[in-house]
N, C-alpha and C. Protein backbone atom coordinates (compact mmCIF):
# COMPACT_ATOMS: atom_id res chain seq x y z
N UNK A 1 0.81 -1.07 -0.22
CA UNK A 1 0.08 0.10 -0.20
C UNK A 1 0.72 1.33 0.16
N UNK A 2 0.54 2.31 -0.80
CA UNK A 2 1.48 3.55 -0.68
C UNK A 2 0.91 4.63 -0.02
N UNK A 3 1.59 5.60 0.23
CA UNK A 3 1.58 6.37 1.51
C UNK A 3 -0.22 7.08 1.43
N UNK A 4 -0.42 7.21 0.00
CA UNK A 4 -2.07 8.14 0.19
C UNK A 4 -3.02 6.85 0.42
N UNK A 5 -2.69 5.53 0.08
CA UNK A 5 -3.64 4.55 0.26
C UNK A 5 -3.79 4.40 2.01
N UNK A 6 -2.50 4.40 2.69
CA UNK A 6 -2.61 4.16 3.90
C UNK A 6 -3.10 5.55 4.70
N UNK A 7 -2.90 6.81 4.34
CA UNK A 7 -3.39 7.80 4.86
C UNK A 7 -4.83 7.88 4.90
N UNK A 8 -5.51 7.28 3.61
CA UNK A 8 -7.04 7.23 3.26
C UNK A 8 -7.33 6.08 4.31
N UNK A 9 -6.76 5.06 4.58
CA UNK A 9 -7.31 3.97 5.22
C UNK A 9 -7.16 4.35 7.00
N UNK A 10 -6.17 5.23 7.22
CA UNK A 10 -6.29 5.69 8.64
C UNK A 10 -7.41 6.51 8.98
N UNK A 11 -7.58 7.47 7.72
CA UNK A 11 -8.38 8.18 7.94
C UNK A 11 -9.94 7.67 8.33
N UNK A 12 -10.32 6.48 7.25
CA UNK A 12 -11.56 5.89 7.12
C UNK A 12 -11.76 5.00 8.77
N UNK A 13 -10.68 4.45 8.87
CA UNK A 13 -10.76 3.84 10.22
C UNK A 13 -11.13 4.47 11.28
N UNK A 14 -10.66 5.52 11.55
CA UNK A 14 -10.66 6.52 12.67
C UNK A 14 -12.14 7.35 12.63
N UNK A 15 -12.22 7.48 11.33
CA UNK A 15 -13.96 7.99 11.20
C UNK A 15 -15.03 6.98 11.61
N UNK A 16 -14.74 5.85 11.06
CA UNK A 16 -15.64 4.88 11.62
C UNK A 16 -15.61 4.60 13.00
N UNK A 17 -14.90 4.71 13.27
CA UNK A 17 -14.61 4.31 14.92
C UNK A 17 -15.39 5.66 15.57
N UNK A 18 -15.50 6.68 15.25
CA UNK A 18 -15.76 7.57 16.05
C UNK A 18 -17.32 7.72 15.49
N UNK A 19 -17.88 7.30 14.64
CA UNK A 19 -19.19 6.98 14.22
C UNK A 19 -19.76 8.01 13.37
N UNK A 20 -18.80 8.45 12.53
CA UNK A 20 -19.28 9.69 11.91
C UNK A 20 -19.22 9.26 10.44
N UNK A 21 -20.23 9.84 9.37
CA UNK A 21 -20.33 9.71 8.28
C UNK A 21 -19.22 10.32 7.42
N UNK A 22 -18.86 10.13 6.41
CA UNK A 22 -18.12 10.93 5.27
C UNK A 22 -18.58 12.55 5.29
N UNK A 23 -19.61 12.86 5.20
CA UNK A 23 -20.29 14.07 5.34
C UNK A 23 -19.98 14.78 6.33
N UNK A 24 -20.13 14.04 7.54
CA UNK A 24 -19.95 14.87 8.68
C UNK A 24 -18.42 14.96 9.14
N UNK A 25 -17.60 14.25 8.48
CA UNK A 25 -16.12 14.49 8.58
C UNK A 25 -15.63 15.56 7.51
N UNK A 26 -16.22 15.74 6.26
CA UNK A 26 -16.18 17.15 5.54
C UNK A 26 -16.58 18.15 6.08
N UNK A 27 -17.77 17.96 6.70
CA UNK A 27 -18.39 19.29 7.38
C UNK A 27 -17.48 20.03 8.24
N UNK A 28 -16.64 18.86 9.12
CA UNK A 28 -15.56 19.07 10.34
C UNK A 28 -14.60 19.65 9.74
N UNK A 29 -14.09 19.23 8.45
CA UNK A 29 -12.91 19.49 8.00
C UNK A 29 -12.80 20.97 7.21
N UNK A 30 -14.00 20.94 6.78
CA UNK A 30 -14.38 22.31 5.74
C UNK A 30 -13.95 22.06 4.51
N UNK A 31 -14.41 20.71 3.88
CA UNK A 31 -13.96 20.16 2.46
C UNK A 31 -15.34 19.66 2.19
N UNK A 32 -15.27 19.59 0.73
CA UNK A 32 -16.28 18.65 0.05
C UNK A 32 -16.72 17.22 0.27
N UNK A 33 -17.51 16.61 0.63
CA UNK A 33 -17.34 15.17 0.73
C UNK A 33 -16.81 14.19 -0.04
N UNK A 34 -16.90 14.77 -1.31
CA UNK A 34 -16.07 14.07 -2.69
C UNK A 34 -14.49 14.07 -2.21
N UNK A 35 -14.33 15.15 -1.58
CA UNK A 35 -12.56 15.22 -1.15
C UNK A 35 -12.60 14.02 -0.25
N UNK A 36 -13.65 13.89 0.81
CA UNK A 36 -13.00 12.94 1.78
C UNK A 36 -13.18 11.36 1.04
N UNK A 37 -14.31 11.02 0.11
CA UNK A 37 -14.46 10.09 -0.39
C UNK A 37 -13.06 9.75 -1.37
N UNK A 38 -12.60 10.71 -2.31
CA UNK A 38 -11.37 10.55 -2.90
C UNK A 38 -10.14 10.19 -1.64
N UNK A 39 -10.19 10.91 -0.58
CA UNK A 39 -8.98 10.65 0.21
C UNK A 39 -9.12 9.16 0.50
N UNK A 40 -10.16 8.85 1.37
CA UNK A 40 -10.46 7.69 1.85
C UNK A 40 -9.88 6.47 0.43
N UNK A 41 -10.48 6.61 -0.52
CA UNK A 41 -9.91 5.63 -1.60
C UNK A 41 -8.61 5.53 -1.95
N UNK A 42 -7.69 6.57 -1.30
CA UNK A 42 -6.46 6.61 -1.45
C UNK A 42 -6.00 7.24 -2.64
N UNK A 43 -6.74 8.26 -3.36
CA UNK A 43 -6.39 8.97 -4.52
C UNK A 43 -6.14 10.53 -4.04
N UNK A 44 -6.42 10.71 -2.85
CA UNK A 44 -6.47 12.19 -2.39
C UNK A 44 -5.04 12.66 -2.10
N UNK A 45 -4.66 13.84 -2.10
CA UNK A 45 -3.27 14.54 -1.65
C UNK A 45 -3.69 15.57 -0.94
N UNK A 46 -4.18 16.07 0.28
CA UNK A 46 -4.50 17.10 0.81
C UNK A 46 -3.33 17.75 0.98
N UNK A 47 -3.28 19.15 1.41
CA UNK A 47 -2.11 19.86 1.94
C UNK A 47 -1.90 19.78 3.32
N UNK A 48 -0.81 19.56 3.70
CA UNK A 48 -0.46 19.43 5.06
C UNK A 48 -1.38 20.22 6.10
N UNK A 49 -1.84 21.20 6.19
CA UNK A 49 -2.88 21.98 7.05
C UNK A 49 -4.36 21.15 7.17
N UNK A 50 -4.48 20.43 5.67
CA UNK A 50 -5.67 19.53 5.76
C UNK A 50 -5.37 18.47 6.97
N UNK A 51 -4.33 17.69 6.33
CA UNK A 51 -4.01 16.65 7.04
C UNK A 51 -3.70 16.85 8.46
N UNK A 52 -3.58 17.88 8.82
CA UNK A 52 -3.20 18.07 10.43
C UNK A 52 -4.87 18.16 10.93
N UNK A 53 -5.64 18.97 10.35
CA UNK A 53 -7.01 18.60 10.61
C UNK A 53 -7.40 17.46 10.81
N UNK A 54 -7.30 16.49 9.87
CA UNK A 54 -7.60 15.08 9.87
C UNK A 54 -7.09 14.35 11.48
N UNK A 55 -6.11 14.42 11.69
CA UNK A 55 -5.22 13.97 12.58
C UNK A 55 -5.66 14.47 13.90
N UNK A 56 -5.98 15.72 14.16
CA UNK A 56 -6.37 16.39 15.29
C UNK A 56 -8.13 15.83 15.52
N UNK A 57 -8.76 15.96 14.32
CA UNK A 57 -10.28 16.03 14.85
C UNK A 57 -10.68 14.25 14.81
N UNK A 58 -9.46 13.15 14.38
CA UNK A 58 -9.77 12.08 14.46
C UNK A 58 -8.97 11.16 15.38
N UNK A 59 -8.08 11.95 16.18
CA UNK A 59 -6.93 11.42 17.07
C UNK A 59 -6.31 10.51 16.35
N UNK A 60 -5.40 10.64 14.97
CA UNK A 60 -4.69 9.96 14.09
C UNK A 60 -3.50 10.14 14.92
N UNK A 61 -2.95 9.11 14.94
CA UNK A 61 -1.43 9.13 15.84
C UNK A 61 -0.37 9.55 14.50
N UNK A 62 0.13 10.71 14.54
CA UNK A 62 1.04 11.14 13.91
C UNK A 62 2.37 10.42 13.65
N UNK A 63 2.89 9.55 14.90
CA UNK A 63 3.57 8.59 14.64
C UNK A 63 3.68 7.38 13.75
N UNK A 64 1.97 6.88 13.80
CA UNK A 64 1.84 6.09 12.89
C UNK A 64 1.90 6.47 11.29
N UNK A 65 1.30 7.92 11.20
CA UNK A 65 1.37 8.44 9.88
C UNK A 65 2.54 8.57 9.27
N UNK A 66 3.63 9.52 10.06
CA UNK A 66 4.34 9.70 9.43
C UNK A 66 5.97 8.82 9.92
N UNK A 67 5.81 7.93 10.79
CA UNK A 67 7.10 7.66 11.11
C UNK A 67 7.10 5.59 11.27
N UNK A 68 5.94 5.57 10.36
CA UNK A 68 5.41 3.93 10.24
C UNK A 68 5.38 3.94 8.67
N UNK A 69 5.72 2.29 8.54
CA UNK A 69 5.82 1.85 7.00
C UNK A 69 4.10 1.59 7.08
N UNK A 70 3.73 2.33 5.64
CA UNK A 70 2.55 2.24 5.53
C UNK A 70 1.68 0.52 5.36
N UNK A 71 1.30 -0.27 6.38
CA UNK A 71 0.81 -1.50 6.05
C UNK A 71 -0.05 -1.70 7.30
N UNK A 72 -0.74 -3.09 7.33
CA UNK A 72 -1.52 -3.08 8.30
C UNK A 72 -1.50 -2.98 9.55
N UNK A 73 -0.08 -3.45 10.02
CA UNK A 73 0.48 -3.23 11.39
C UNK A 73 0.24 -2.04 12.06
N UNK A 74 0.59 -1.02 11.07
CA UNK A 74 0.24 0.60 11.08
C UNK A 74 -1.04 0.94 11.45
N UNK A 75 -1.95 0.42 10.55
CA UNK A 75 -3.42 0.61 10.87
C UNK A 75 -4.06 0.30 12.41
N UNK A 76 -3.55 -0.94 12.67
CA UNK A 76 -4.04 -1.91 13.58
C UNK A 76 -3.32 -0.87 15.06
N UNK A 77 -2.04 -0.66 15.11
CA UNK A 77 -1.43 0.19 15.81
C UNK A 77 -2.35 1.52 16.31
N UNK A 78 -2.46 2.20 15.11
CA UNK A 78 -3.18 3.55 15.47
C UNK A 78 -4.57 3.13 16.00
N UNK A 79 -5.37 2.32 15.76
CA UNK A 79 -6.73 2.04 16.54
C UNK A 79 -6.10 1.72 18.02
N UNK A 80 -5.01 1.06 18.18
CA UNK A 80 -4.69 0.45 19.61
C UNK A 80 -4.52 1.99 20.13
N UNK A 81 -3.69 3.14 19.67
CA UNK A 81 -3.57 4.32 20.05
C UNK A 81 -4.72 5.14 20.71
N UNK A 82 -5.93 5.09 19.77
CA UNK A 82 -6.92 5.52 19.96
C UNK A 82 -7.58 4.99 20.99
N UNK A 83 -7.56 3.85 21.49
CA UNK A 83 -8.11 3.05 22.53
C UNK A 83 -7.43 3.41 23.73
N UNK A 84 -6.05 3.49 23.37
CA UNK A 84 -5.20 4.01 25.11
C UNK A 84 -5.29 5.65 25.58
N UNK A 85 -5.93 6.48 24.49
CA UNK A 85 -6.04 7.99 24.88
C UNK A 85 -6.90 8.03 26.20
N UNK A 86 -7.48 7.37 26.78
CA UNK A 86 -8.48 7.80 27.99
C UNK A 86 -7.72 7.55 29.25
N UNK A 87 -6.69 6.59 28.94
CA UNK A 87 -5.97 5.84 30.11
C UNK A 87 -4.78 6.73 30.73
N UNK A 88 -4.51 6.66 31.70
CA UNK A 88 -3.46 7.63 32.54
C UNK A 88 -2.17 7.00 31.98
N UNK A 89 -1.41 8.08 32.16
CA UNK A 89 0.02 7.76 31.75
C UNK A 89 0.65 6.44 32.14
N UNK A 90 0.42 6.51 33.86
CA UNK A 90 0.93 5.43 34.54
C UNK A 90 0.09 3.72 34.00
N UNK A 91 -1.04 4.10 33.56
CA UNK A 91 -2.10 2.67 33.16
C UNK A 91 -1.16 2.24 31.85
N UNK A 92 -0.69 3.27 31.08
CA UNK A 92 -0.25 3.10 29.69
C UNK A 92 1.10 2.67 29.71
N UNK A 93 2.00 3.21 30.81
CA UNK A 93 3.14 2.70 31.10
C UNK A 93 3.03 1.18 31.68
N UNK A 94 1.78 0.72 32.59
CA UNK A 94 2.09 -0.59 33.15
C UNK A 94 1.62 -1.42 31.51
N UNK A 95 0.75 -0.96 30.89
CA UNK A 95 0.55 -1.90 30.08
C UNK A 95 1.80 -2.10 29.23
N UNK A 96 2.49 -0.82 28.83
CA UNK A 96 3.68 -1.14 27.69
C UNK A 96 4.75 -2.03 28.13
N UNK A 97 5.01 -1.98 29.86
CA UNK A 97 6.02 -2.80 30.47
C UNK A 97 5.48 -4.26 30.40
N UNK A 98 4.15 -4.55 30.47
CA UNK A 98 3.53 -5.94 30.53
C UNK A 98 3.72 -6.67 29.10
N UNK A 99 3.46 -6.02 28.00
CA UNK A 99 3.64 -6.06 26.51
C UNK A 99 5.07 -6.37 26.48
N UNK A 100 6.14 -5.64 26.69
CA UNK A 100 7.31 -5.97 26.51
C UNK A 100 7.99 -6.91 27.15
N UNK A 101 7.43 -7.51 28.47
CA UNK A 101 8.04 -8.52 29.10
C UNK A 101 7.41 -9.92 28.31
N UNK A 102 5.92 -9.63 27.83
CA UNK A 102 5.56 -10.74 27.53
C UNK A 102 6.39 -11.09 25.62
N UNK A 103 6.94 -9.86 25.28
CA UNK A 103 7.47 -9.95 23.78
C UNK A 103 8.99 -10.72 24.03
N UNK A 104 9.45 -9.98 25.16
CA UNK A 104 11.08 -10.82 25.46
C UNK A 104 10.95 -12.16 25.82
N UNK A 105 9.94 -12.53 26.58
CA UNK A 105 9.33 -14.14 26.89
C UNK A 105 9.14 -15.01 25.95
N UNK A 106 8.64 -14.52 24.80
CA UNK A 106 8.18 -15.20 23.53
C UNK A 106 9.66 -15.02 22.80
N UNK A 107 10.30 -14.04 22.45
CA UNK A 107 11.28 -14.42 21.84
C UNK A 107 12.60 -14.87 22.42
N UNK A 108 12.49 -15.04 23.78
CA UNK A 108 13.74 -15.92 24.29
C UNK A 108 13.19 -17.33 24.39
N UNK A 109 12.07 -17.85 24.44
CA UNK A 109 11.35 -19.21 24.56
C UNK A 109 10.43 -19.53 23.20
N UNK A 110 10.97 -19.69 22.16
CA UNK A 110 9.90 -19.68 20.77
C UNK A 110 9.63 -21.25 20.90
N UNK A 111 10.35 -22.18 21.72
CA UNK A 111 9.80 -23.48 21.87
C UNK A 111 8.43 -23.68 22.81
N UNK A 112 8.33 -23.05 23.23
CA UNK A 112 7.06 -22.74 24.19
C UNK A 112 5.85 -22.54 23.43
N UNK A 113 4.88 -23.84 23.12
CA UNK A 113 4.03 -23.69 22.26
C UNK A 113 2.58 -24.21 23.04
N UNK A 114 2.81 -24.84 24.29
CA UNK A 114 1.61 -25.45 24.68
C UNK A 114 1.82 -24.96 26.58
N UNK A 115 0.60 -25.10 27.35
CA UNK A 115 0.74 -24.88 28.49
C UNK A 115 1.60 -25.75 29.27
N UNK A 116 1.64 -27.02 28.98
CA UNK A 116 2.74 -28.20 29.30
C UNK A 116 4.49 -27.34 29.22
N UNK A 117 4.53 -27.04 27.95
CA UNK A 117 5.90 -26.36 27.75
C UNK A 117 6.02 -25.23 28.69
N UNK A 118 5.13 -24.51 29.00
CA UNK A 118 5.21 -23.27 29.56
C UNK A 118 6.10 -23.64 31.10
N UNK A 119 4.97 -24.59 31.65
CA UNK A 119 5.26 -25.13 33.06
C UNK A 119 6.78 -26.05 33.08
N UNK A 120 7.05 -26.51 32.09
CA UNK A 120 8.21 -27.24 32.22
C UNK A 120 9.49 -26.07 32.02
N UNK A 121 9.43 -24.96 31.53
CA UNK A 121 10.41 -23.69 31.48
C UNK A 121 10.32 -23.03 32.51
N UNK A 122 9.32 -22.86 32.91
CA UNK A 122 9.09 -22.16 34.47
C UNK A 122 9.62 -22.73 35.28
N UNK A 123 9.34 -24.26 35.59
CA UNK A 123 10.16 -24.78 36.53
C UNK A 123 11.48 -25.23 36.55
N UNK A 124 12.27 -25.46 35.06
CA UNK A 124 13.53 -25.10 34.98
C UNK A 124 14.19 -23.74 35.57
N UNK A 125 13.31 -22.87 35.19
CA UNK A 125 14.05 -21.31 35.88
C UNK A 125 13.95 -21.28 37.31
N UNK A 126 12.91 -21.79 37.61
CA UNK A 126 12.66 -21.78 39.47
C UNK A 126 13.46 -22.69 39.98
N UNK A 127 14.12 -23.67 39.04
CA UNK A 127 15.08 -24.82 39.74
C UNK A 127 16.69 -23.99 39.63
N UNK A 128 16.91 -23.18 39.14
CA UNK A 128 17.94 -22.29 38.73
C UNK A 128 18.31 -21.43 40.24
N UNK A 129 17.00 -21.05 41.33
CA UNK A 129 17.24 -20.34 41.86
C UNK A 129 16.00 -20.81 42.86
N UNK A 130 17.16 -21.74 43.97
CA UNK A 130 16.83 -22.49 44.86
C UNK A 130 16.10 -21.54 46.18
N UNK A 131 15.11 -21.56 46.66
CA UNK A 131 14.50 -21.13 47.54
C UNK A 131 15.36 -21.00 49.05
N UNK A 132 15.25 -20.04 49.67
CA UNK A 132 15.94 -19.85 50.96
C UNK A 132 15.06 -20.00 51.91
N UNK A 133 15.20 -21.10 52.87
CA UNK A 133 13.98 -21.48 53.88
C UNK A 133 14.49 -21.25 55.17
N UNK A 134 15.10 -20.05 55.12
CA UNK A 134 15.77 -19.97 56.78
C UNK A 134 14.71 -19.58 57.36
């Protein structure tokens, strides 16, 4: 997907999540509805001032738009970004730390595929650190 298609998909996804019609978005951005349709189809190329309106009105992540390769993962991350907005910084950090921990675990234990595998690996890890029963 090219950059124009990606931006169009970001706008469409965020607009739908907000429950807005294309006409409502056009009214909010102060453009013709055909402009929104063209953008969402991946053929629009709005000026930066208009791009910034979309970002602001729809809570599109600038990082996902400008610093991420245009792909399905970026669309998913942008969706998650909007879901995180209501949470506090501490809650987002807790979630991020938990996700990073799980990512490291999975990267370091690619052979763990079942619950039994997990129990075996945890048992091996616990055996390396005997309990001090003083």
